[in-house]
């Protein structure tokens, strides 16, 4: 917990001000130029947050409780989670999903 608290404080103080952001009305706020420690070819640069998002789905992942008609007979259910598929993506607020130059993911 101490590490997480320290990270959030560092992020809010040092990193978040250097990123583009949006207010509640969807208006873009530009990053602050205060506290820029480096530059790229003589120009201050802003930071871009890159996140990794992934989900795993299973073949037998279904809700166990449901409504049924009184004339329905019970159906056998497979045991175990079954075959899985993972959906994974790298996302940015500025460019959306990251892809290669030819547009493939």
N, C-alpha and C. Protein backbone atom coordinates (compact mmCIF):
# COMPACT_ATOMS: atom_id res chain seq x y z
N UNK A 1 0.82 -1.19 0.00
CA UNK A 1 0.00 0.00 0.00
C UNK A 1 0.87 1.26 0.00
N UNK A 2 1.98 1.22 0.72
CA UNK A 2 2.86 2.39 0.79
C UNK A 2 3.44 2.69 -0.59
N UNK A 3 3.84 1.64 -1.32
CA UNK A 3 4.39 1.85 -2.66
C UNK A 3 3.32 2.46 -3.57
N UNK A 4 2.09 1.92 -3.51
CA UNK A 4 1.01 2.43 -4.35
C UNK A 4 0.72 3.89 -4.04
N UNK A 5 0.68 4.23 -2.77
CA UNK A 5 0.41 5.61 -2.37
C UNK A 5 1.52 6.53 -2.89
N UNK A 6 2.78 6.10 -2.75
CA UNK A 6 3.90 6.89 -3.24
C UNK A 6 3.85 7.06 -4.75
N UNK A 7 3.49 5.99 -5.46
CA UNK A 7 3.40 6.06 -6.92
C UNK A 7 2.33 7.06 -7.34
N UNK A 8 1.16 7.00 -6.71
CA UNK A 8 0.06 7.92 -7.06
C UNK A 8 0.49 9.36 -6.80
N UNK A 9 1.18 9.61 -5.70
CA UNK A 9 1.64 10.97 -5.39
C UNK A 9 2.66 11.44 -6.42
N UNK A 10 3.63 10.58 -6.79
CA UNK A 10 4.61 10.94 -7.81
C UNK A 10 3.96 11.20 -9.15
N UNK A 11 3.01 10.33 -9.51
CA UNK A 11 2.31 10.47 -10.77
C UNK A 11 1.58 11.81 -10.82
N UNK A 12 0.83 12.13 -9.78
CA UNK A 12 0.05 13.37 -9.74
C UNK A 12 0.94 14.60 -9.77
N UNK A 13 2.08 14.53 -9.11
CA UNK A 13 2.96 15.70 -9.01
C UNK A 13 3.87 15.86 -10.23
N UNK A 14 4.45 14.78 -10.72
CA UNK A 14 5.48 14.88 -11.75
C UNK A 14 5.03 14.50 -13.16
N UNK A 15 4.14 13.54 -13.28
CA UNK A 15 3.80 13.02 -14.60
C UNK A 15 2.50 13.59 -15.17
N UNK A 16 1.44 13.58 -14.39
CA UNK A 16 0.13 14.04 -14.89
C UNK A 16 0.17 15.46 -15.45
N UNK A 17 0.88 16.41 -14.83
CA UNK A 17 0.91 17.76 -15.40
C UNK A 17 1.57 17.81 -16.79
N UNK A 18 2.35 16.81 -17.14
CA UNK A 18 3.04 16.80 -18.43
C UNK A 18 2.26 16.06 -19.51
N UNK A 19 1.00 15.70 -19.23
CA UNK A 19 0.18 14.96 -20.17
C UNK A 19 -1.01 15.80 -20.62
N UNK A 20 -1.49 15.54 -21.83
CA UNK A 20 -2.74 16.12 -22.26
C UNK A 20 -3.84 15.48 -21.42
N UNK A 21 -4.87 16.24 -21.16
CA UNK A 21 -5.97 15.74 -20.36
C UNK A 21 -7.26 16.37 -20.87
N UNK A 22 -8.40 15.92 -20.37
CA UNK A 22 -9.69 16.46 -20.78
C UNK A 22 -10.51 16.72 -19.54
N UNK A 23 -11.23 17.86 -19.54
CA UNK A 23 -12.07 18.18 -18.39
C UNK A 23 -13.41 17.46 -18.52
N UNK A 24 -14.31 17.72 -17.60
CA UNK A 24 -15.60 17.01 -17.59
C UNK A 24 -16.48 17.36 -18.79
N UNK A 25 -16.20 18.50 -19.43
CA UNK A 25 -16.96 18.90 -20.61
C UNK A 25 -16.31 18.44 -21.91
N UNK A 26 -15.22 17.65 -21.81
CA UNK A 26 -14.55 17.13 -22.98
C UNK A 26 -13.57 18.09 -23.63
N UNK A 27 -13.27 19.20 -22.95
CA UNK A 27 -12.30 20.15 -23.49
C UNK A 27 -10.90 19.70 -23.13
N UNK A 28 -10.01 19.78 -24.12
CA UNK A 28 -8.63 19.34 -23.92
C UNK A 28 -7.86 20.38 -23.10
N UNK A 29 -7.06 19.90 -22.16
CA UNK A 29 -6.16 20.76 -21.41
C UNK A 29 -4.74 20.42 -21.82
N UNK A 30 -3.97 21.40 -22.14
CA UNK A 30 -2.59 21.19 -22.59
C UNK A 30 -1.69 20.92 -21.40
N UNK A 31 -0.62 20.16 -21.62
CA UNK A 31 0.31 19.89 -20.52
C UNK A 31 1.05 21.15 -20.10
N UNK A 32 1.40 21.20 -18.84
CA UNK A 32 2.16 22.32 -18.30
C UNK A 32 3.59 22.26 -18.80
N UNK A 33 4.20 23.40 -19.04
CA UNK A 33 5.61 23.45 -19.41
C UNK A 33 6.48 23.62 -18.17
N UNK A 34 5.86 23.80 -17.02
CA UNK A 34 6.62 23.93 -15.77
C UNK A 34 7.20 22.59 -15.38
N UNK A 35 8.43 22.58 -14.97
CA UNK A 35 9.05 21.37 -14.46
C UNK A 35 9.50 20.39 -15.51
N UNK A 36 9.51 20.80 -16.79
CA UNK A 36 10.02 19.91 -17.82
C UNK A 36 11.51 19.73 -17.60
N UNK A 37 11.95 18.51 -17.43
CA UNK A 37 13.36 18.27 -17.13
C UNK A 37 14.17 17.93 -18.37
N UNK A 38 13.52 17.56 -19.44
CA UNK A 38 14.26 17.18 -20.64
C UNK A 38 13.65 17.81 -21.85
N UNK A 39 14.31 17.67 -22.95
CA UNK A 39 13.75 18.15 -24.19
C UNK A 39 14.14 17.20 -25.31
N UNK A 40 13.47 17.38 -26.41
CA UNK A 40 13.71 16.55 -27.58
C UNK A 40 14.05 17.51 -28.71
N UNK A 41 15.33 17.50 -29.12
CA UNK A 41 15.82 18.42 -30.17
C UNK A 41 15.54 19.88 -29.80
N UNK A 42 15.76 20.22 -28.53
CA UNK A 42 15.61 21.60 -28.09
C UNK A 42 14.19 22.02 -27.75
N UNK A 43 13.22 21.10 -27.83
CA UNK A 43 11.83 21.44 -27.53
C UNK A 43 11.35 20.62 -26.34
N UNK A 44 10.67 21.26 -25.39
CA UNK A 44 10.10 20.48 -24.28
C UNK A 44 9.10 19.46 -24.83
N UNK A 45 9.00 18.32 -24.21
CA UNK A 45 8.08 17.30 -24.67
C UNK A 45 7.08 16.97 -23.58
N UNK A 46 5.93 16.48 -24.00
CA UNK A 46 4.94 16.04 -23.02
C UNK A 46 4.94 14.52 -22.98
N UNK A 47 4.34 13.96 -21.95
CA UNK A 47 4.28 12.51 -21.77
C UNK A 47 2.97 11.98 -22.31
N UNK A 48 3.00 10.76 -22.80
CA UNK A 48 1.81 10.08 -23.30
C UNK A 48 1.63 8.81 -22.49
N UNK A 49 0.48 8.69 -21.85
CA UNK A 49 0.18 7.51 -21.04
C UNK A 49 -0.15 6.34 -21.96
N UNK A 50 0.56 5.24 -21.79
CA UNK A 50 0.32 4.02 -22.56
C UNK A 50 -0.16 2.95 -21.59
N UNK A 51 -1.30 2.35 -21.87
CA UNK A 51 -1.86 1.33 -20.99
C UNK A 51 -1.99 0.01 -21.73
N UNK A 52 -2.01 -1.06 -20.98
CA UNK A 52 -2.19 -2.40 -21.54
C UNK A 52 -3.51 -2.93 -20.99
N UNK A 53 -4.37 -3.37 -21.87
CA UNK A 53 -5.68 -3.87 -21.48
C UNK A 53 -5.84 -5.29 -21.99
N UNK A 54 -6.26 -6.18 -21.14
CA UNK A 54 -6.49 -7.55 -21.60
C UNK A 54 -7.64 -8.19 -20.84
N UNK A 55 -8.32 -9.09 -21.52
CA UNK A 55 -9.41 -9.87 -20.94
C UNK A 55 -9.30 -11.30 -21.44
N UNK A 56 -9.71 -12.24 -20.61
CA UNK A 56 -9.73 -13.64 -21.01
C UNK A 56 -11.18 -14.13 -20.94
N UNK A 57 -11.61 -14.78 -22.01
CA UNK A 57 -12.97 -15.31 -22.08
C UNK A 57 -12.89 -16.83 -22.19
N UNK A 58 -13.80 -17.53 -21.52
CA UNK A 58 -13.81 -18.99 -21.50
C UNK A 58 -15.06 -19.52 -22.17
N UNK A 59 -14.91 -20.68 -22.83
CA UNK A 59 -16.01 -21.30 -23.56
C UNK A 59 -17.18 -21.63 -22.64
N UNK A 60 -16.90 -22.08 -21.43
CA UNK A 60 -17.97 -22.49 -20.51
C UNK A 60 -18.27 -21.43 -19.46
N UNK A 61 -17.93 -20.18 -19.77
CA UNK A 61 -18.17 -19.08 -18.84
C UNK A 61 -19.58 -18.58 -19.05
N UNK A 62 -20.47 -19.03 -18.21
CA UNK A 62 -21.86 -18.62 -18.35
C UNK A 62 -22.50 -18.45 -16.98
N UNK A 63 -23.55 -17.71 -16.96
CA UNK A 63 -24.27 -17.49 -15.71
C UNK A 63 -24.93 -18.82 -15.30
N UNK A 64 -24.75 -19.20 -14.05
CA UNK A 64 -25.27 -20.49 -13.58
C UNK A 64 -26.75 -20.43 -13.22
N UNK A 65 -27.23 -19.27 -12.81
CA UNK A 65 -28.65 -19.14 -12.45
C UNK A 65 -29.39 -18.46 -13.60
N UNK A 66 -30.59 -18.94 -13.91
CA UNK A 66 -31.38 -18.33 -14.98
C UNK A 66 -32.84 -18.67 -14.79
N UNK A 67 -33.69 -17.93 -15.50
CA UNK A 67 -35.11 -18.23 -15.50
C UNK A 67 -35.35 -19.33 -16.53
N UNK A 68 -36.29 -20.21 -16.24
CA UNK A 68 -36.62 -21.25 -17.21
C UNK A 68 -38.11 -21.54 -17.12
N UNK A 69 -38.64 -22.10 -18.20
CA UNK A 69 -40.06 -22.44 -18.25
C UNK A 69 -40.28 -23.76 -17.52
N UNK A 70 -41.42 -23.91 -16.90
CA UNK A 70 -41.70 -25.12 -16.11
C UNK A 70 -41.70 -26.39 -16.94
N UNK A 71 -41.90 -26.26 -18.26
CA UNK A 71 -41.90 -27.45 -19.12
C UNK A 71 -40.49 -27.83 -19.56
N UNK A 72 -39.49 -27.00 -19.25
CA UNK A 72 -38.11 -27.26 -19.64
C UNK A 72 -37.49 -28.34 -18.76
N UNK A 73 -36.73 -29.23 -19.39
CA UNK A 73 -36.00 -30.25 -18.63
C UNK A 73 -34.59 -29.72 -18.33
N UNK A 74 -33.97 -30.16 -17.22
CA UNK A 74 -32.60 -29.71 -16.92
C UNK A 74 -31.63 -30.16 -18.01
N UNK A 75 -30.67 -29.31 -18.33
CA UNK A 75 -29.66 -29.61 -19.35
C UNK A 75 -28.33 -29.87 -18.65
N UNK A 76 -27.59 -30.88 -19.09
CA UNK A 76 -26.27 -31.10 -18.50
C UNK A 76 -25.34 -29.94 -18.85
N UNK A 77 -24.46 -29.61 -17.92
CA UNK A 77 -23.52 -28.50 -18.11
C UNK A 77 -22.10 -29.06 -18.07
N UNK A 78 -21.25 -28.61 -19.00
CA UNK A 78 -19.86 -29.05 -19.01
C UNK A 78 -19.14 -28.60 -17.75
N UNK A 79 -18.21 -29.43 -17.30
CA UNK A 79 -17.39 -29.09 -16.14
C UNK A 79 -16.15 -28.35 -16.61
N UNK A 80 -15.60 -27.52 -15.76
CA UNK A 80 -14.38 -26.79 -16.09
C UNK A 80 -14.64 -25.52 -16.86
N UNK A 81 -13.61 -24.73 -17.03
CA UNK A 81 -13.75 -23.44 -17.70
C UNK A 81 -13.80 -23.57 -19.22
N UNK A 82 -13.20 -24.61 -19.78
CA UNK A 82 -13.21 -24.79 -21.21
C UNK A 82 -12.10 -24.01 -21.91
N UNK A 83 -12.14 -24.02 -23.22
CA UNK A 83 -11.14 -23.32 -24.03
C UNK A 83 -11.21 -21.82 -23.76
N UNK A 84 -10.03 -21.19 -23.76
CA UNK A 84 -10.01 -19.75 -23.50
C UNK A 84 -9.46 -18.99 -24.70
N UNK A 85 -9.83 -17.73 -24.77
CA UNK A 85 -9.25 -16.81 -25.76
C UNK A 85 -8.94 -15.52 -25.02
N UNK A 86 -7.74 -14.97 -25.30
CA UNK A 86 -7.34 -13.73 -24.64
C UNK A 86 -7.39 -12.60 -25.66
N UNK A 87 -8.04 -11.51 -25.28
CA UNK A 87 -8.07 -10.29 -26.08
C UNK A 87 -7.16 -9.29 -25.39
N UNK A 88 -6.17 -8.78 -26.13
CA UNK A 88 -5.18 -7.90 -25.53
C UNK A 88 -4.94 -6.71 -26.45
N UNK A 89 -4.72 -5.54 -25.86
CA UNK A 89 -4.49 -4.34 -26.65
C UNK A 89 -3.63 -3.36 -25.88
N UNK A 90 -2.93 -2.51 -26.62
CA UNK A 90 -2.17 -1.42 -26.02
C UNK A 90 -2.87 -0.13 -26.45
N UNK A 91 -3.20 0.72 -25.47
CA UNK A 91 -4.03 1.88 -25.72
C UNK A 91 -3.34 3.17 -25.29
N UNK A 92 -3.65 4.26 -26.00
CA UNK A 92 -3.21 5.60 -25.58
C UNK A 92 -4.41 6.53 -25.71
N UNK A 93 -4.42 7.59 -24.91
CA UNK A 93 -5.51 8.55 -25.00
C UNK A 93 -5.39 9.40 -26.26
N UNK A 94 -4.18 9.54 -26.80
CA UNK A 94 -3.97 10.41 -27.96
C UNK A 94 -4.19 9.71 -29.29
N UNK A 95 -3.82 8.44 -29.39
CA UNK A 95 -3.90 7.73 -30.67
C UNK A 95 -4.86 6.56 -30.65
N UNK A 96 -5.41 6.22 -29.51
CA UNK A 96 -6.29 5.06 -29.40
C UNK A 96 -5.47 3.78 -29.38
N UNK A 97 -5.93 2.77 -30.11
CA UNK A 97 -5.24 1.49 -30.16
C UNK A 97 -3.96 1.61 -30.98
N UNK A 98 -2.88 1.09 -30.45
CA UNK A 98 -1.63 1.14 -31.18
C UNK A 98 -1.60 0.04 -32.25
N UNK A 99 -1.18 0.40 -33.44
CA UNK A 99 -1.07 -0.54 -34.55
C UNK A 99 0.29 -0.34 -35.24
N UNK A 100 0.61 -1.21 -36.16
CA UNK A 100 1.84 -1.06 -36.93
C UNK A 100 1.60 -0.05 -38.05
N UNK A 101 2.67 0.29 -38.77
CA UNK A 101 2.56 1.29 -39.83
C UNK A 101 1.58 0.87 -40.93
N UNK A 102 1.48 -0.44 -41.18
CA UNK A 102 0.56 -0.89 -42.25
C UNK A 102 -0.86 -1.10 -41.73
N UNK A 103 -1.12 -0.74 -40.47
CA UNK A 103 -2.47 -0.79 -39.93
C UNK A 103 -2.84 -2.09 -39.25
N UNK A 104 -1.93 -3.08 -39.25
CA UNK A 104 -2.24 -4.33 -38.57
C UNK A 104 -2.01 -4.14 -37.07
N UNK A 105 -2.66 -4.98 -36.32
CA UNK A 105 -2.56 -4.87 -34.86
C UNK A 105 -1.66 -5.93 -34.30
